[in-house]
């Protein structure tokens, strides 16, 4: 996924009123992503409800791009397959 895709994904979440920000972590040969509070917000930790909504929207976004996400057990990070 490109940085532009991540920016677009964050705009989708913001536009849906979901207070979650997707962070890109790029490692040698692969990428993974984590969910966190939006930049500049006073939120310390993302609620379970917000994480669920973010996972749903990210799944839809990636599916539209022909990509599938696998989420970590705690639901706070994901990678593409």
C-alpha atoms as a PDB file:
ATOM      1  CA  UNK A   1       0.000   0.000   0.000  1.00  0.00           C
ATOM      2  CA  UNK A   2       1.171   3.489  -0.741  1.00  0.00           C
ATOM      3  CA  UNK A   3       1.353   6.371   1.697  1.00  0.00           C
ATOM      4  CA  UNK A   4      -1.429   7.949  -0.362  1.00  0.00           C
ATOM      5  CA  UNK A   5      -3.651   4.945   0.373  1.00  0.00           C
ATOM      6  CA  UNK A   6      -3.052   5.404   4.107  1.00  0.00           C
ATOM      7  CA  UNK A   7      -3.865   9.120   3.854  1.00  0.00           C
ATOM      8  CA  UNK A   8      -7.049   8.263   1.960  1.00  0.00           C
ATOM      9  CA  UNK A   9      -7.966   5.597   4.525  1.00  0.00           C
ATOM     10  CA  UNK A  10      -7.566   8.127   7.347  1.00  0.00           C
ATOM     11  CA  UNK A  11      -9.778  10.596   5.470  1.00  0.00           C
ATOM     12  CA  UNK A  12     -12.468   7.913   5.144  1.00  0.00           C
ATOM     13  CA  UNK A  13     -12.339   7.206   8.894  1.00  0.00           C
ATOM     14  CA  UNK A  14     -12.467  10.916   9.713  1.00  0.00           C
ATOM     15  CA  UNK A  15     -15.340  11.454   7.264  1.00  0.00           C
ATOM     16  CA  UNK A  16     -17.305   8.666   8.951  1.00  0.00           C
ATOM     17  CA  UNK A  17     -16.739  10.247  12.371  1.00  0.00           C
ATOM     18  CA  UNK A  18     -14.580   7.337  13.558  1.00  0.00           C
ATOM     19  CA  UNK A  19     -11.966   8.733  15.995  1.00  0.00           C
ATOM     20  CA  UNK A  20      -9.148   6.435  14.883  1.00  0.00           C
ATOM     21  CA  UNK A  21      -5.935   7.111  12.974  1.00  0.00           C
ATOM     22  CA  UNK A  22      -4.100   4.482  10.900  1.00  0.00           C
ATOM     23  CA  UNK A  23      -0.320   4.536  11.376  1.00  0.00           C
ATOM     24  CA  UNK A  24       1.916   2.961   8.715  1.00  0.00           C
ATOM     25  CA  UNK A  25       4.972   0.991   9.834  1.00  0.00           C
ATOM     26  CA  UNK A  26       7.287   0.041   6.999  1.00  0.00           C
ATOM     27  CA  UNK A  27       9.833  -2.711   7.538  1.00  0.00           C
ATOM     28  CA  UNK A  28      12.189  -4.446   5.161  1.00  0.00           C
ATOM     29  CA  UNK A  29       9.960  -6.325   2.757  1.00  0.00           C
ATOM     30  CA  UNK A  30       6.599  -5.721   4.409  1.00  0.00           C
ATOM     31  CA  UNK A  31       4.304  -3.228   6.063  1.00  0.00           C
ATOM     32  CA  UNK A  32       2.025  -3.308   9.044  1.00  0.00           C
ATOM     33  CA  UNK A  33      -0.434  -0.799  10.415  1.00  0.00           C
ATOM     34  CA  UNK A  34      -1.653   0.182  13.856  1.00  0.00           C
ATOM     35  CA  UNK A  35      -4.717   2.049  15.049  1.00  0.00           C
ATOM     36  CA  UNK A  36      -4.308   4.992  17.386  1.00  0.00           C
ATOM     37  CA  UNK A  37      -6.004   8.187  18.472  1.00  0.00           C
ATOM     38  CA  UNK A  38      -6.357  10.877  15.793  1.00  0.00           C
ATOM     39  CA  UNK A  39      -3.508  13.369  15.556  1.00  0.00           C
ATOM     40  CA  UNK A  40      -4.042  16.368  17.804  1.00  0.00           C
ATOM     41  CA  UNK A  41      -6.840  14.745  19.806  1.00  0.00           C
ATOM     42  CA  UNK A  42      -7.091  14.476  23.570  1.00  0.00           C
ATOM     43  CA  UNK A  43      -8.020  10.792  23.306  1.00  0.00           C
ATOM     44  CA  UNK A  44      -5.483   8.617  25.138  1.00  0.00           C
ATOM     45  CA  UNK A  45      -6.744   5.222  24.000  1.00  0.00           C
ATOM     46  CA  UNK A  46      -9.091   4.161  21.226  1.00  0.00           C
ATOM     47  CA  UNK A  47     -12.345   2.600  22.472  1.00  0.00           C
ATOM     48  CA  UNK A  48     -13.343  -0.944  21.544  1.00  0.00           C
ATOM     49  CA  UNK A  49     -16.355   0.416  19.645  1.00  0.00           C
ATOM     50  CA  UNK A  50     -14.145   2.768  17.604  1.00  0.00           C
ATOM     51  CA  UNK A  51     -11.690  -0.052  16.854  1.00  0.00           C
ATOM     52  CA  UNK A  52     -14.526  -2.258  15.602  1.00  0.00           C
ATOM     53  CA  UNK A  53     -15.832   0.521  13.362  1.00  0.00           C
ATOM     54  CA  UNK A  54     -12.314   1.232  12.061  1.00  0.00           C
ATOM     55  CA  UNK A  55     -11.677  -2.446  11.288  1.00  0.00           C
ATOM     56  CA  UNK A  56     -14.934  -2.628   9.342  1.00  0.00           C
ATOM     57  CA  UNK A  57     -14.183   0.518   7.297  1.00  0.00           C
ATOM     58  CA  UNK A  58     -10.554  -0.473   6.675  1.00  0.00           C
ATOM     59  CA  UNK A  59     -11.719  -3.901   5.509  1.00  0.00           C
ATOM     60  CA  UNK A  60     -14.178  -2.285   3.091  1.00  0.00           C
ATOM     61  CA  UNK A  61     -11.561   0.210   1.865  1.00  0.00           C
ATOM     62  CA  UNK A  62      -8.969  -2.477   1.211  1.00  0.00           C
ATOM     63  CA  UNK A  63     -11.489  -4.816  -0.405  1.00  0.00           C
ATOM     64  CA  UNK A  64     -12.319  -2.048  -2.873  1.00  0.00           C
ATOM     65  CA  UNK A  65      -8.569  -1.894  -3.663  1.00  0.00           C
ATOM     66  CA  UNK A  66      -8.465  -5.674  -4.156  1.00  0.00           C
ATOM     67  CA  UNK A  67      -6.515  -6.243  -0.940  1.00  0.00           C
ATOM     68  CA  UNK A  68      -7.451  -8.146   2.223  1.00  0.00           C
ATOM     69  CA  UNK A  69      -6.498  -7.207   5.776  1.00  0.00           C
ATOM     70  CA  UNK A  70      -5.622  -9.600   8.567  1.00  0.00           C
ATOM     71  CA  UNK A  71      -6.077  -8.132  12.034  1.00  0.00           C
ATOM     72  CA  UNK A  72      -4.098  -8.936  15.151  1.00  0.00           C
ATOM     73  CA  UNK A  73      -5.765 -10.802  17.984  1.00  0.00           C
ATOM     74  CA  UNK A  74      -6.233  -7.602  19.991  1.00  0.00           C
ATOM     75  CA  UNK A  75      -7.602  -5.784  16.918  1.00  0.00           C
ATOM     76  CA  UNK A  76      -5.163  -2.892  17.276  1.00  0.00           C
ATOM     77  CA  UNK A  77      -2.997  -3.674  14.248  1.00  0.00           C
ATOM     78  CA  UNK A  78      -3.249  -5.254  10.825  1.00  0.00           C
ATOM     79  CA  UNK A  79      -1.294  -6.195   7.740  1.00  0.00           C
ATOM     80  CA  UNK A  80      -2.323  -6.810   4.159  1.00  0.00           C
ATOM     81  CA  UNK A  81      -2.370 -10.133   2.332  1.00  0.00           C
END
